[in-house]
Amino acid sequence: MFENTKAFSGFSVDDIPAAKQFYNQVLGIPLDEVNGMLHLHISGGNDILVYPKGTAHKAATFTILNFPVPDIESAVKQLKERGVAFEQLPGVGEDGIARNNGPLIAWFKDPAGNWLSVLQQDE
């Protein structure tokens, strides 16, 4: 039924202007704003819809976007320089990077409280 449909993912935020500034200016993701919603243009040709829910927004309690990078230490450093704060979870080093089971990964949140990550992955 959907084998030929170009599906896309989406998530909510409580403040579209704050999300637009964060995803475009801080993370450097190209985007368009259409009808009060954002379309994030992620590499690979897939867009992600970011829609407003205002006070009804509830932040995701799981990672909604993972950004693979070839050098996590460099990515974390650059993001910190842009004002991103990394989550200090159990097993995470002072630099914000988890170096235990699985790939090297560091979690942070968008202005709406949704969880994001950078993770080291060979290209």
PDB file of N, CA and C in Angstrom:
ATOM      1  N   MET A   1       0.805  -1.199   0.000  1.00  0.00           N
ATOM      2  CA  MET A   1       0.000   0.000   0.000  1.00  0.00           C
ATOM      3  C   MET A   1       0.859   1.279   0.000  1.00  0.00           C
ATOM      4  N   PHE A   2       1.905   1.318   0.832  1.00  0.00           N
ATOM      5  CA  PHE A   2       2.728   2.516   0.926  1.00  0.00           C
ATOM      6  C   PHE A   2       4.122   2.344   0.340  1.00  0.00           C
ATOM      7  N   GLU A   3       4.353   1.290  -0.409  1.00  0.00           N
ATOM      8  CA  GLU A   3       5.695   1.021  -0.903  1.00  0.00           C
ATOM      9  C   GLU A   3       6.231   2.112  -1.824  1.00  0.00           C
ATOM     10  N   ASN A   4       5.389   2.909  -2.438  1.00  0.00           N
ATOM     11  CA  ASN A   4       5.834   3.977  -3.327  1.00  0.00           C
ATOM     12  C   ASN A   4       5.589   5.366  -2.752  1.00  0.00           C
ATOM     13  N   THR A   5       5.244   5.441  -1.496  1.00  0.00           N
ATOM     14  CA  THR A   5       4.982   6.723  -0.846  1.00  0.00           C
ATOM     15  C   THR A   5       6.254   7.248  -0.216  1.00  0.00           C
ATOM     16  N   LYS A   6       6.523   8.521  -0.417  1.00  0.00           N
ATOM     17  CA  LYS A   6       7.684   9.147   0.211  1.00  0.00           C
ATOM     18  C   LYS A   6       7.266   9.591   1.615  1.00  0.00           C
ATOM     19  N   ALA A   7       7.474   8.734   2.583  1.00  0.00           N
ATOM     20  CA  ALA A   7       7.102   9.023   3.963  1.00  0.00           C
ATOM     21  C   ALA A   7       8.072  10.032   4.566  1.00  0.00           C
ATOM     22  N   PHE A   8       7.634  10.699   5.606  1.00  0.00           N
ATOM     23  CA  PHE A   8       8.496  11.629   6.316  1.00  0.00           C
ATOM     24  C   PHE A   8       8.147  11.589   7.792  1.00  0.00           C
ATOM     25  N   SER A   9       9.086  12.020   8.597  1.00  0.00           N
ATOM     26  CA  SER A   9       8.911  12.044  10.036  1.00  0.00           C
ATOM     27  C   SER A   9       8.551  13.452  10.473  1.00  0.00           C
ATOM     28  N   GLY A  10       8.007  13.572  11.657  1.00  0.00           N
ATOM     29  CA  GLY A  10       7.689  14.880  12.196  1.00  0.00           C
ATOM     30  C   GLY A  10       7.670  14.846  13.708  1.00  0.00           C
ATOM     31  N   PHE A  11       7.802  16.033  14.302  1.00  0.00           N
ATOM     32  CA  PHE A  11       7.712  16.163  15.748  1.00  0.00           C
ATOM     33  C   PHE A  11       7.262  17.576  16.087  1.00  0.00           C
ATOM     34  N   SER A  12       6.778  17.737  17.307  1.00  0.00           N
ATOM     35  CA  SER A  12       6.242  19.032  17.713  1.00  0.00           C
ATOM     36  C   SER A  12       7.236  19.837  18.530  1.00  0.00           C
ATOM     37  N   VAL A  13       6.996  21.148  18.547  1.00  0.00           N
ATOM     38  CA  VAL A  13       7.730  22.089  19.384  1.00  0.00           C
ATOM     39  C   VAL A  13       6.715  23.076  19.954  1.00  0.00           C
ATOM     40  N   ASP A  14       7.139  23.817  20.965  1.00  0.00           N
ATOM     41  CA  ASP A  14       6.247  24.807  21.552  1.00  0.00           C
ATOM     42  C   ASP A  14       6.467  26.210  21.005  1.00  0.00           C
ATOM     43  N   ASP A  15       7.536  26.412  20.214  1.00  0.00           N
ATOM     44  CA  ASP A  15       7.891  27.747  19.744  1.00  0.00           C
ATOM     45  C   ASP A  15       8.598  27.620  18.392  1.00  0.00           C
ATOM     46  N   ILE A  16       7.878  27.881  17.309  1.00  0.00           N
ATOM     47  CA  ILE A  16       8.447  27.748  15.966  1.00  0.00           C
ATOM     48  C   ILE A  16       9.621  28.701  15.739  1.00  0.00           C
ATOM     49  N   PRO A  17       9.537  29.994  16.103  1.00  0.00           N
ATOM     50  CA  PRO A  17      10.707  30.869  15.889  1.00  0.00           C
ATOM     51  C   PRO A  17      11.963  30.371  16.616  1.00  0.00           C
ATOM     52  N   ALA A  18      11.828  29.873  17.847  1.00  0.00           N
ATOM     53  CA  ALA A  18      12.988  29.342  18.580  1.00  0.00           C
ATOM     54  C   ALA A  18      13.522  28.094  17.888  1.00  0.00           C
ATOM     55  N   ALA A  19      12.633  27.230  17.417  1.00  0.00           N
ATOM     56  CA  ALA A  19      13.065  26.019  16.706  1.00  0.00           C
ATOM     57  C   ALA A  19      13.752  26.389  15.398  1.00  0.00           C
ATOM     58  N   LYS A  20      13.212  27.357  14.688  1.00  0.00           N
ATOM     59  CA  LYS A  20      13.805  27.785  13.422  1.00  0.00           C
ATOM     60  C   LYS A  20      15.226  28.294  13.649  1.00  0.00           C
ATOM     61  N   GLN A  21      15.413  29.123  14.655  1.00  0.00           N
ATOM     62  CA  GLN A  21      16.736  29.658  14.958  1.00  0.00           C
ATOM     63  C   GLN A  21      17.701  28.535  15.338  1.00  0.00           C
ATOM     64  N   PHE A  22      17.244  27.611  16.176  1.00  0.00           N
ATOM     65  CA  PHE A  22      18.098  26.516  16.642  1.00  0.00           C
ATOM     66  C   PHE A  22      18.500  25.584  15.495  1.00  0.00           C
ATOM     67  N   TYR A  23      17.513  25.084  14.764  1.00  0.00           N
ATOM     68  CA  TYR A  23      17.821  24.093  13.730  1.00  0.00           C
ATOM     69  C   TYR A  23      18.593  24.709  12.563  1.00  0.00           C
ATOM     70  N   ASN A  24      18.300  25.957  12.209  1.00  0.00           N
ATOM     71  CA  ASN A  24      18.973  26.587  11.083  1.00  0.00           C
ATOM     72  C   ASN A  24      20.285  27.247  11.486  1.00  0.00           C
ATOM     73  N   GLN A  25      20.260  28.110  12.481  1.00  0.00           N
ATOM     74  CA  GLN A  25      21.447  28.886  12.832  1.00  0.00           C
ATOM     75  C   GLN A  25      22.437  28.111  13.698  1.00  0.00           C
ATOM     76  N   VAL A  26      21.947  27.350  14.662  1.00  0.00           N
ATOM     77  CA  VAL A  26      22.853  26.619  15.561  1.00  0.00           C
ATOM     78  C   VAL A  26      23.321  25.314  14.921  1.00  0.00           C
ATOM     79  N   LEU A  27      22.378  24.515  14.418  1.00  0.00           N
ATOM     80  CA  LEU A  27      22.757  23.219  13.839  1.00  0.00           C
ATOM     81  C   LEU A  27      23.119  23.312  12.358  1.00  0.00           C
ATOM     82  N   GLY A  28      22.732  24.393  11.685  1.00  0.00           N
ATOM     83  CA  GLY A  28      23.093  24.571  10.281  1.00  0.00           C
ATOM     84  C   GLY A  28      22.273  23.765   9.303  1.00  0.00           C
ATOM     85  N   ILE A  29      21.064  23.396   9.682  1.00  0.00           N
ATOM     86  CA  ILE A  29      20.203  22.601   8.802  1.00  0.00           C
ATOM     87  C   ILE A  29      19.392  23.545   7.909  1.00  0.00           C
ATOM     88  N   PRO A  30      19.458  23.370   6.591  1.00  0.00           N
ATOM     89  CA  PRO A  30      18.612  24.178   5.714  1.00  0.00           C
ATOM     90  C   PRO A  30      17.146  23.848   5.991  1.00  0.00           C
ATOM     91  N   LEU A  31      16.299  24.859   5.914  1.00  0.00           N
ATOM     92  CA  LEU A  31      14.877  24.631   6.188  1.00  0.00           C
ATOM     93  C   LEU A  31      14.027  25.644   5.456  1.00  0.00           C
ATOM     94  N   ASP A  32      12.764  25.329   5.366  1.00  0.00           N
ATOM     95  CA  ASP A  32      11.742  26.245   4.861  1.00  0.00           C
ATOM     96  C   ASP A  32      10.659  26.342   5.915  1.00  0.00           C
ATOM     97  N   GLU A  33      10.021  27.493   5.972  1.00  0.00           N
ATOM     98  CA  GLU A  33       8.854  27.665   6.845  1.00  0.00           C
ATOM     99  C   GLU A  33       7.637  27.818   5.940  1.00  0.00           C
ATOM    100  N   VAL A  34       6.685  26.906   6.094  1.00  0.00           N
ATOM    101  CA  VAL A  34       5.488  26.893   5.268  1.00  0.00           C
ATOM    102  C   VAL A  34       4.278  26.718   6.176  1.00  0.00           C
ATOM    103  N   ASN A  35       3.333  27.627   6.080  1.00  0.00           N
ATOM    104  CA  ASN A  35       2.088  27.544   6.860  1.00  0.00           C
ATOM    105  C   ASN A  35       2.352  27.402   8.354  1.00  0.00           C
ATOM    106  N   GLY A  36       3.364  28.103   8.858  1.00  0.00           N
ATOM    107  CA  GLY A  36       3.662  28.075  10.288  1.00  0.00           C
ATOM    108  C   GLY A  36       4.372  26.836  10.770  1.00  0.00           C
ATOM    109  N   MET A  37       4.825  25.995   9.830  1.00  0.00           N
ATOM    110  CA  MET A  37       5.567  24.784  10.174  1.00  0.00           C
ATOM    111  C   MET A  37       6.927  24.827   9.499  1.00  0.00           C
ATOM    112  N   LEU A  38       7.875  24.098  10.056  1.00  0.00           N
ATOM    113  CA  LEU A  38       9.207  24.023   9.468  1.00  0.00           C
ATOM    114  C   LEU A  38       9.371  22.710   8.719  1.00  0.00           C
ATOM    115  N   HIS A  39      10.107  22.776   7.627  1.00  0.00           N
ATOM    116  CA  HIS A  39      10.506  21.587   6.878  1.00  0.00           C
ATOM    117  C   HIS A  39      12.030  21.573   6.925  1.00  0.00           C
ATOM    118  N   LEU A  40      12.593  20.676   7.732  1.00  0.00           N
ATOM    119  CA  LEU A  40      14.044  20.536   7.823  1.00  0.00           C
ATOM    120  C   LEU A  40      14.514  19.698   6.648  1.00  0.00           C
ATOM    121  N   HIS A  41      15.488  20.204   5.903  1.00  0.00           N
ATOM    122  CA  HIS A  41      16.011  19.494   4.734  1.00  0.00           C
ATOM    123  C   HIS A  41      17.272  18.741   5.157  1.00  0.00           C
ATOM    124  N   ILE A  42      17.077  17.495   5.534  1.00  0.00           N
ATOM    125  CA  ILE A  42      18.152  16.636   6.012  1.00  0.00           C
ATOM    126  C   ILE A  42      18.821  15.955   4.824  1.00  0.00           C
ATOM    127  N   SER A  43      20.114  15.757   4.923  1.00  0.00           N
ATOM    128  CA  SER A  43      20.871  15.079   3.884  1.00  0.00           C
ATOM    129  C   SER A  43      20.212  13.744   3.535  1.00  0.00           C
ATOM    130  N   GLY A  44      20.235  13.395   2.280  1.00  0.00           N
ATOM    131  CA  GLY A  44      19.641  12.143   1.839  1.00  0.00           C
ATOM    132  C   GLY A  44      18.291  12.350   1.174  1.00  0.00           C
ATOM    133  N   GLY A  45      17.826  13.594   1.145  1.00  0.00           N
ATOM    134  CA  GLY A  45      16.589  13.890   0.437  1.00  0.00           C
ATOM    135  C   GLY A  45      15.310  13.771   1.244  1.00  0.00           C
ATOM    136  N   ASN A  46      15.420  13.465   2.507  1.00  0.00           N
ATOM    137  CA  ASN A  46      14.213  13.368   3.327  1.00  0.00           C
ATOM    138  C   ASN A  46      14.028  14.642   4.142  1.00  0.00           C
ATOM    139  N   ASP A  47      12.818  15.130   4.178  1.00  0.00           N
ATOM    140  CA  ASP A  47      12.495  16.280   5.008  1.00  0.00           C
ATOM    141  C   ASP A  47      11.855  15.799   6.300  1.00  0.00           C
ATOM    142  N   ILE A  48      12.000  16.624   7.319  1.00  0.00           N
ATOM    143  CA  ILE A  48      11.369  16.344   8.602  1.00  0.00           C
ATOM    144  C   ILE A  48      10.466  17.523   8.916  1.00  0.00           C
ATOM    145  N   LEU A  49       9.233  17.246   9.272  1.00  0.00           N
ATOM    146  CA  LEU A  49       8.251  18.272   9.594  1.00  0.00           C
ATOM    147  C   LEU A  49       8.345  18.630  11.072  1.00  0.00           C
ATOM    148  N   VAL A  50       8.425  19.924  11.361  1.00  0.00           N
ATOM    149  CA  VAL A  50       8.412  20.420  12.733  1.00  0.00           C
ATOM    150  C   VAL A  50       7.166  21.288  12.845  1.00  0.00           C
ATOM    151  N   TYR A  51       6.244  20.877  13.704  1.00  0.00           N
ATOM    152  CA  TYR A  51       4.957  21.572  13.778  1.00  0.00           C
ATOM    153  C   TYR A  51       4.716  22.131  15.183  1.00  0.00           C
ATOM    154  N   PRO A  52       3.966  23.230  15.267  1.00  0.00           N
ATOM    155  CA  PRO A  52       3.720  23.862  16.563  1.00  0.00           C
ATOM    156  C   PRO A  52       2.592  23.185  17.333  1.00  0.00           C
ATOM    157  N   LYS A  53       2.782  23.073  18.646  1.00  0.00           N
ATOM    158  CA  LYS A  53       1.701  22.608  19.521  1.00  0.00           C
ATOM    159  C   LYS A  53       1.498  23.556  20.705  1.00  0.00           C
ATOM    160  N   GLY A  54       2.301  24.635  20.750  1.00  0.00           N
ATOM    161  CA  GLY A  54       2.149  25.626  21.811  1.00  0.00           C
ATOM    162  C   GLY A  54       2.207  25.001  23.186  1.00  0.00           C
ATOM    163  N   THR A  55       1.274  25.374  24.049  1.00  0.00           N
ATOM    164  CA  THR A  55       1.283  24.872  25.427  1.00  0.00           C
ATOM    165  C   THR A  55       0.909  23.394  25.523  1.00  0.00           C
ATOM    166  N   ALA A  56       0.354  22.830  24.451  1.00  0.00           N
ATOM    167  CA  ALA A  56       0.018  21.400  24.456  1.00  0.00           C
ATOM    168  C   ALA A  56       1.238  20.522  24.145  1.00  0.00           C
ATOM    169  N   HIS A  57       2.361  21.152  23.765  1.00  0.00           N
ATOM    170  CA  HIS A  57       3.572  20.383  23.431  1.00  0.00           C
ATOM    171  C   HIS A  57       4.092  19.634  24.653  1.00  0.00           C
ATOM    172  N   LYS A  58       4.472  18.398  24.431  1.00  0.00           N
ATOM    173  CA  LYS A  58       5.168  17.590  25.430  1.00  0.00           C
ATOM    174  C   LYS A  58       6.450  17.104  24.763  1.00  0.00           C
ATOM    175  N   ALA A  59       7.571  17.440  25.372  1.00  0.00           N
ATOM    176  CA  ALA A  59       8.862  17.054  24.801  1.00  0.00           C
ATOM    177  C   ALA A  59       8.987  15.539  24.712  1.00  0.00           C
ATOM    178  N   ALA A  60       9.614  15.081  23.646  1.00  0.00           N
ATOM    179  CA  ALA A  60       9.873  13.648  23.486  1.00  0.00           C
ATOM    180  C   ALA A  60      10.798  13.173  24.599  1.00  0.00           C
ATOM    181  N   THR A  61      10.536  11.997  25.110  1.00  0.00           N
ATOM    182  CA  THR A  61      11.372  11.413  26.162  1.00  0.00           C
ATOM    183  C   THR A  61      12.388  10.428  25.584  1.00  0.00           C
ATOM    184  N   PHE A  62      12.529  10.452  24.282  1.00  0.00           N
ATOM    185  CA  PHE A  62      13.444   9.574  23.560  1.00  0.00           C
ATOM    186  C   PHE A  62      14.141  10.409  22.489  1.00  0.00           C
ATOM    187  N   THR A  63      15.177   9.876  21.901  1.00  0.00           N
ATOM    188  CA  THR A  63      15.933  10.607  20.886  1.00  0.00           C
ATOM    189  C   THR A  63      15.136  10.636  19.589  1.00  0.00           C
ATOM    190  N   ILE A  64      14.815  11.859  19.132  1.00  0.00           N
ATOM    191  CA  ILE A  64      14.010  11.995  17.913  1.00  0.00           C
ATOM    192  C   ILE A  64      14.865  12.135  16.658  1.00  0.00           C
ATOM    193  N   LEU A  65      16.091  12.645  16.811  1.00  0.00           N
ATOM    194  CA  LEU A  65      17.002  12.773  15.677  1.00  0.00           C
ATOM    195  C   LEU A  65      18.413  12.396  16.115  1.00  0.00           C
ATOM    196  N   ASN A  66      19.076  11.583  15.315  1.00  0.00           N
ATOM    197  CA  ASN A  66      20.471  11.215  15.533  1.00  0.00           C
ATOM    198  C   ASN A  66      21.274  11.740  14.352  1.00  0.00           C
ATOM    199  N   PHE A  67      22.350  12.446  14.653  1.00  0.00           N
ATOM    200  CA  PHE A  67      23.201  12.994  13.610  1.00  0.00           C
ATOM    201  C   PHE A  67      24.537  12.259  13.609  1.00  0.00           C
ATOM    202  N   PRO A  68      24.772  11.351  12.632  1.00  0.00           N
ATOM    203  CA  PRO A  68      26.047  10.648  12.546  1.00  0.00           C
ATOM    204  C   PRO A  68      27.154  11.626  12.134  1.00  0.00           C
ATOM    205  N   VAL A  69      28.290  11.514  12.792  1.00  0.00           N
ATOM    206  CA  VAL A  69      29.455  12.356  12.483  1.00  0.00           C
ATOM    207  C   VAL A  69      30.701  11.474  12.477  1.00  0.00           C
ATOM    208  N   PRO A  70      31.714  11.841  11.678  1.00  0.00           N
ATOM    209  CA  PRO A  70      32.935  11.028  11.649  1.00  0.00           C
ATOM    210  C   PRO A  70      33.840  11.276  12.854  1.00  0.00           C
ATOM    211  N   ASP A  71      33.708  12.437  13.522  1.00  0.00           N
ATOM    212  CA  ASP A  71      34.566  12.789  14.654  1.00  0.00           C
ATOM    213  C   ASP A  71      33.693  13.446  15.722  1.00  0.00           C
ATOM    214  N   ILE A  72      33.246  12.657  16.690  1.00  0.00           N
ATOM    215  CA  ILE A  72      32.314  13.165  17.694  1.00  0.00           C
ATOM    216  C   ILE A  72      32.939  14.241  18.576  1.00  0.00           C
ATOM    217  N   GLU A  73      34.210  14.100  18.901  1.00  0.00           N
ATOM    218  CA  GLU A  73      34.841  15.109  19.756  1.00  0.00           C
ATOM    219  C   GLU A  73      34.829  16.473  19.090  1.00  0.00           C
ATOM    220  N   SER A  74      35.111  16.522  17.809  1.00  0.00           N
ATOM    221  CA  SER A  74      35.077  17.770  17.060  1.00  0.00           C
ATOM    222  C   SER A  74      33.652  18.323  16.979  1.00  0.00           C
ATOM    223  N   ALA A  75      32.682  17.442  16.718  1.00  0.00           N
ATOM    224  CA  ALA A  75      31.284  17.875  16.615  1.00  0.00           C
ATOM    225  C   ALA A  75      30.789  18.437  17.946  1.00  0.00           C
ATOM    226  N   VAL A  76      31.096  17.769  19.044  1.00  0.00           N
ATOM    227  CA  VAL A  76      30.675  18.242  20.364  1.00  0.00           C
ATOM    228  C   VAL A  76      31.321  19.597  20.659  1.00  0.00           C
ATOM    229  N   LYS A  77      32.584  19.726  20.352  1.00  0.00           N
ATOM    230  CA  LYS A  77      33.290  20.994  20.576  1.00  0.00           C
ATOM    231  C   LYS A  77      32.638  22.125  19.789  1.00  0.00           C
ATOM    232  N   GLN A  78      32.363  21.881  18.516  1.00  0.00           N
ATOM    233  CA  GLN A  78      31.742  22.904  17.671  1.00  0.00           C
ATOM    234  C   GLN A  78      30.347  23.267  18.173  1.00  0.00           C
ATOM    235  N   LEU A  79      29.576  22.274  18.576  1.00  0.00           N
ATOM    236  CA  LEU A  79      28.227  22.553  19.076  1.00  0.00           C
ATOM    237  C   LEU A  79      28.279  23.336  20.386  1.00  0.00           C
ATOM    238  N   LYS A  80      29.209  22.983  21.267  1.00  0.00           N
ATOM    239  CA  LYS A  80      29.364  23.740  22.516  1.00  0.00           C
ATOM    240  C   LYS A  80      29.704  25.195  22.218  1.00  0.00           C
ATOM    241  N   GLU A  81      30.557  25.428  21.227  1.00  0.00           N
ATOM    242  CA  GLU A  81      30.917  26.788  20.833  1.00  0.00           C
ATOM    243  C   GLU A  81      29.707  27.563  20.315  1.00  0.00           C
ATOM    244  N   ARG A  82      28.694  26.834  19.849  1.00  0.00           N
ATOM    245  CA  ARG A  82      27.462  27.467  19.363  1.00  0.00           C
ATOM    246  C   ARG A  82      26.393  27.550  20.448  1.00  0.00           C
ATOM    247  N   GLY A  83      26.774  27.183  21.674  1.00  0.00           N
ATOM    248  CA  GLY A  83      25.860  27.323  22.803  1.00  0.00           C
ATOM    249  C   GLY A  83      25.056  26.096  23.171  1.00  0.00           C
ATOM    250  N   VAL A  84      25.325  24.955  22.539  1.00  0.00           N
ATOM    251  CA  VAL A  84      24.589  23.730  22.847  1.00  0.00           C
ATOM    252  C   VAL A  84      25.120  23.139  24.149  1.00  0.00           C
ATOM    253  N   ALA A  85      24.204  22.778  25.043  1.00  0.00           N
ATOM    254  CA  ALA A  85      24.559  22.124  26.309  1.00  0.00           C
ATOM    255  C   ALA A  85      24.289  20.625  26.165  1.00  0.00           C
ATOM    256  N   PHE A  86      25.259  19.826  26.552  1.00  0.00           N
ATOM    257  CA  PHE A  86      25.105  18.374  26.461  1.00  0.00           C
ATOM    258  C   PHE A  86      24.628  17.807  27.786  1.00  0.00           C
ATOM    259  N   GLU A  87      23.804  16.777  27.694  1.00  0.00           N
ATOM    260  CA  GLU A  87      23.200  16.158  28.871  1.00  0.00           C
ATOM    261  C   GLU A  87      24.237  15.338  29.624  1.00  0.00           C
ATOM    262  N   GLN A  88      24.269  15.501  30.917  1.00  0.00           N
ATOM    263  CA  GLN A  88      25.195  14.755  31.772  1.00  0.00           C
ATOM    264  C   GLN A  88      24.443  13.578  32.398  1.00  0.00           C
ATOM    265  N   LEU A  89      24.384  12.497  31.676  1.00  0.00           N
ATOM    266  CA  LEU A  89      23.687  11.284  32.086  1.00  0.00           C
ATOM    267  C   LEU A  89      24.671  10.305  32.718  1.00  0.00           C
ATOM    268  N   PRO A  90      24.181   9.301  33.436  1.00  0.00           N
ATOM    269  CA  PRO A  90      25.083   8.272  33.966  1.00  0.00           C
ATOM    270  C   PRO A  90      25.877   7.633  32.814  1.00  0.00           C
ATOM    271  N   GLY A  91      27.174   7.491  33.014  1.00  0.00           N
ATOM    272  CA  GLY A  91      28.030   6.886  32.000  1.00  0.00           C
ATOM    273  C   GLY A  91      28.567   7.873  30.973  1.00  0.00           C
ATOM    274  N   VAL A  92      28.180   9.137  31.101  1.00  0.00           N
ATOM    275  CA  VAL A  92      28.642  10.160  30.168  1.00  0.00           C
ATOM    276  C   VAL A  92      29.821  10.891  30.799  1.00  0.00           C
ATOM    277  N   GLY A  93      30.877  11.094  30.021  1.00  0.00           N
ATOM    278  CA  GLY A  93      32.057  11.793  30.518  1.00  0.00           C
ATOM    279  C   GLY A  93      31.814  13.282  30.680  1.00  0.00           C
ATOM    280  N   GLU A  94      32.767  13.953  31.286  1.00  0.00           N
ATOM    281  CA  GLU A  94      32.662  15.400  31.498  1.00  0.00           C
ATOM    282  C   GLU A  94      32.508  16.159  30.185  1.00  0.00           C
ATOM    283  N   ASP A  95      33.003  15.577  29.096  1.00  0.00           N
ATOM    284  CA  ASP A  95      32.899  16.227  27.790  1.00  0.00           C
ATOM    285  C   ASP A  95      31.532  16.035  27.144  1.00  0.00           C
ATOM    286  N   GLY A  96      30.639  15.260  27.812  1.00  0.00           N
ATOM    287  CA  GLY A  96      29.296  15.032  27.287  1.00  0.00           C
ATOM    288  C   GLY A  96      29.176  13.805  26.410  1.00  0.00           C
ATOM    289  N   ILE A  97      30.260  13.054  26.255  1.00  0.00           N
ATOM    290  CA  ILE A  97      30.262  11.892  25.356  1.00  0.00           C
ATOM    291  C   ILE A  97      30.193  10.593  26.153  1.00  0.00           C
ATOM    292  N   ALA A  98      29.256   9.720  25.772  1.00  0.00           N
ATOM    293  CA  ALA A  98      29.158   8.383  26.366  1.00  0.00           C
ATOM    294  C   ALA A  98      30.094   7.458  25.605  1.00  0.00           C
ATOM    295  N   ARG A  99      30.944   6.780  26.358  1.00  0.00           N
ATOM    296  CA  ARG A  99      31.935   5.897  25.745  1.00  0.00           C
ATOM    297  C   ARG A  99      31.788   4.466  26.272  1.00  0.00           C
ATOM    298  N   ASN A 100      30.569   4.026  26.401  1.00  0.00           N
ATOM    299  CA  ASN A 100      30.367   2.647  26.849  1.00  0.00           C
ATOM    300  C   ASN A 100      29.683   1.866  25.736  1.00  0.00           C
ATOM    301  N   ASN A 101      28.882   0.906  26.061  1.00  0.00           N
ATOM    302  CA  ASN A 101      28.274   0.003  25.074  1.00  0.00           C
ATOM    303  C   ASN A 101      27.709   0.759  23.876  1.00  0.00           C
ATOM    304  N   GLY A 102      28.140   0.382  22.695  1.00  0.00           N
ATOM    305  CA  GLY A 102      27.638   1.005  21.481  1.00  0.00           C
ATOM    306  C   GLY A 102      28.563   2.097  20.963  1.00  0.00           C
ATOM    307  N   PRO A 103      28.070   2.853  19.976  1.00  0.00           N
ATOM    308  CA  PRO A 103      28.913   3.902  19.395  1.00  0.00           C
ATOM    309  C   PRO A 103      29.110   5.057  20.380  1.00  0.00           C
ATOM    310  N   LEU A 104      30.150   5.860  20.162  1.00  0.00           N
ATOM    311  CA  LEU A 104      30.329   7.076  20.936  1.00  0.00           C
ATOM    312  C   LEU A 104      29.144   7.982  20.622  1.00  0.00           C
ATOM    313  N   ILE A 105      28.495   8.518  21.674  1.00  0.00           N
ATOM    314  CA  ILE A 105      27.275   9.298  21.474  1.00  0.00           C
ATOM    315  C   ILE A 105      27.188  10.399  22.516  1.00  0.00           C
ATOM    316  N   ALA A 106      26.586  11.506  22.126  1.00  0.00           N
ATOM    317  CA  ALA A 106      26.373  12.634  23.037  1.00  0.00           C
ATOM    318  C   ALA A 106      24.964  13.175  22.793  1.00  0.00           C
ATOM    319  N   TRP A 107      24.212  13.371  23.870  1.00  0.00           N
ATOM    320  CA  TRP A 107      22.834  13.824  23.768  1.00  0.00           C
ATOM    321  C   TRP A 107      22.691  15.291  24.151  1.00  0.00           C
ATOM    322  N   PHE A 108      21.781  15.959  23.486  1.00  0.00           N
ATOM    323  CA  PHE A 108      21.436  17.339  23.803  1.00  0.00           C
ATOM    324  C   PHE A 108      19.968  17.545  23.467  1.00  0.00           C
ATOM    325  N   LYS A 109      19.424  18.693  23.844  1.00  0.00           N
ATOM    326  CA  LYS A 109      18.005  18.959  23.612  1.00  0.00           C
ATOM    327  C   LYS A 109      17.826  20.209  22.765  1.00  0.00           C
ATOM    328  N   ASP A 110      16.722  20.227  22.013  1.00  0.00           N
ATOM    329  CA  ASP A 110      16.362  21.439  21.282  1.00  0.00           C
ATOM    330  C   ASP A 110      15.640  22.388  22.248  1.00  0.00           C
ATOM    331  N   PRO A 111      15.301  23.603  21.823  1.00  0.00           N
ATOM    332  CA  PRO A 111      14.657  24.545  22.744  1.00  0.00           C
ATOM    333  C   PRO A 111      13.316  24.056  23.305  1.00  0.00           C
ATOM    334  N   ALA A 112      12.673  23.113  22.629  1.00  0.00           N
ATOM    335  CA  ALA A 112      11.398  22.568  23.105  1.00  0.00           C
ATOM    336  C   ALA A 112      11.591  21.382  24.044  1.00  0.00           C
ATOM    337  N   GLY A 113      12.849  20.993  24.305  1.00  0.00           N
ATOM    338  CA  GLY A 113      13.125  19.881  25.203  1.00  0.00           C
ATOM    339  C   GLY A 113      13.179  18.523  24.536  1.00  0.00           C
ATOM    340  N   ASN A 114      13.081  18.468  23.206  1.00  0.00           N
ATOM    341  CA  ASN A 114      13.187  17.199  22.489  1.00  0.00           C
ATOM    342  C   ASN A 114      14.642  16.739  22.463  1.00  0.00           C
ATOM    343  N   TRP A 115      14.852  15.426  22.609  1.00  0.00           N
ATOM    344  CA  TRP A 115      16.196  14.842  22.663  1.00  0.00           C
ATOM    345  C   TRP A 115      16.767  14.637  21.266  1.00  0.00           C
ATOM    346  N   LEU A 116      18.037  15.025  21.104  1.00  0.00           N
ATOM    347  CA  LEU A 116      18.793  14.837  19.873  1.00  0.00           C
ATOM    348  C   LEU A 116      20.140  14.225  20.243  1.00  0.00           C
ATOM    349  N   SER A 117      20.852  13.692  19.262  1.00  0.00           N
ATOM    350  CA  SER A 117      22.194  13.174  19.548  1.00  0.00           C
ATOM    351  C   SER A 117      23.116  13.361  18.359  1.00  0.00           C
ATOM    352  N   VAL A 118      24.393  13.383  18.677  1.00  0.00           N
ATOM    353  CA  VAL A 118      25.438  13.181  17.670  1.00  0.00           C
ATOM    354  C   VAL A 118      26.090  11.858  18.040  1.00  0.00           C
ATOM    355  N   LEU A 119      26.382  11.047  17.056  1.00  0.00           N
ATOM    356  CA  LEU A 119      27.052   9.778  17.327  1.00  0.00           C
ATOM    357  C   LEU A 119      28.113   9.536  16.278  1.00  0.00           C
ATOM    358  N   GLN A 120      29.214   8.983  16.746  1.00  0.00           N
ATOM    359  CA  GLN A 120      30.328   8.743  15.842  1.00  0.00           C
ATOM    360  C   GLN A 120      30.039   7.541  14.978  1.00  0.00           C
ATOM    361  N   GLN A 121      30.214   7.750  13.681  1.00  0.00           N
ATOM    362  CA  GLN A 121      29.954   6.675  12.723  1.00  0.00           C
ATOM    363  C   GLN A 121      30.903   6.854  11.550  1.00  0.00           C
ATOM    364  N   ASP A 122      31.562   5.787  11.177  1.00  0.00           N
ATOM    365  CA  ASP A 122      32.457   5.869  10.024  1.00  0.00           C
ATOM    366  C   ASP A 122      31.615   6.148   8.783  1.00  0.00           C
ATOM    367  N   GLU A 123      32.173   6.984   7.926  1.00  0.00           N
ATOM    368  CA  GLU A 123      31.436   7.333   6.694  1.00  0.00           C
ATOM    369  C   GLU A 123      31.517   6.245   5.671  1.00  0.00           C
TER     370      GLU A 123
END
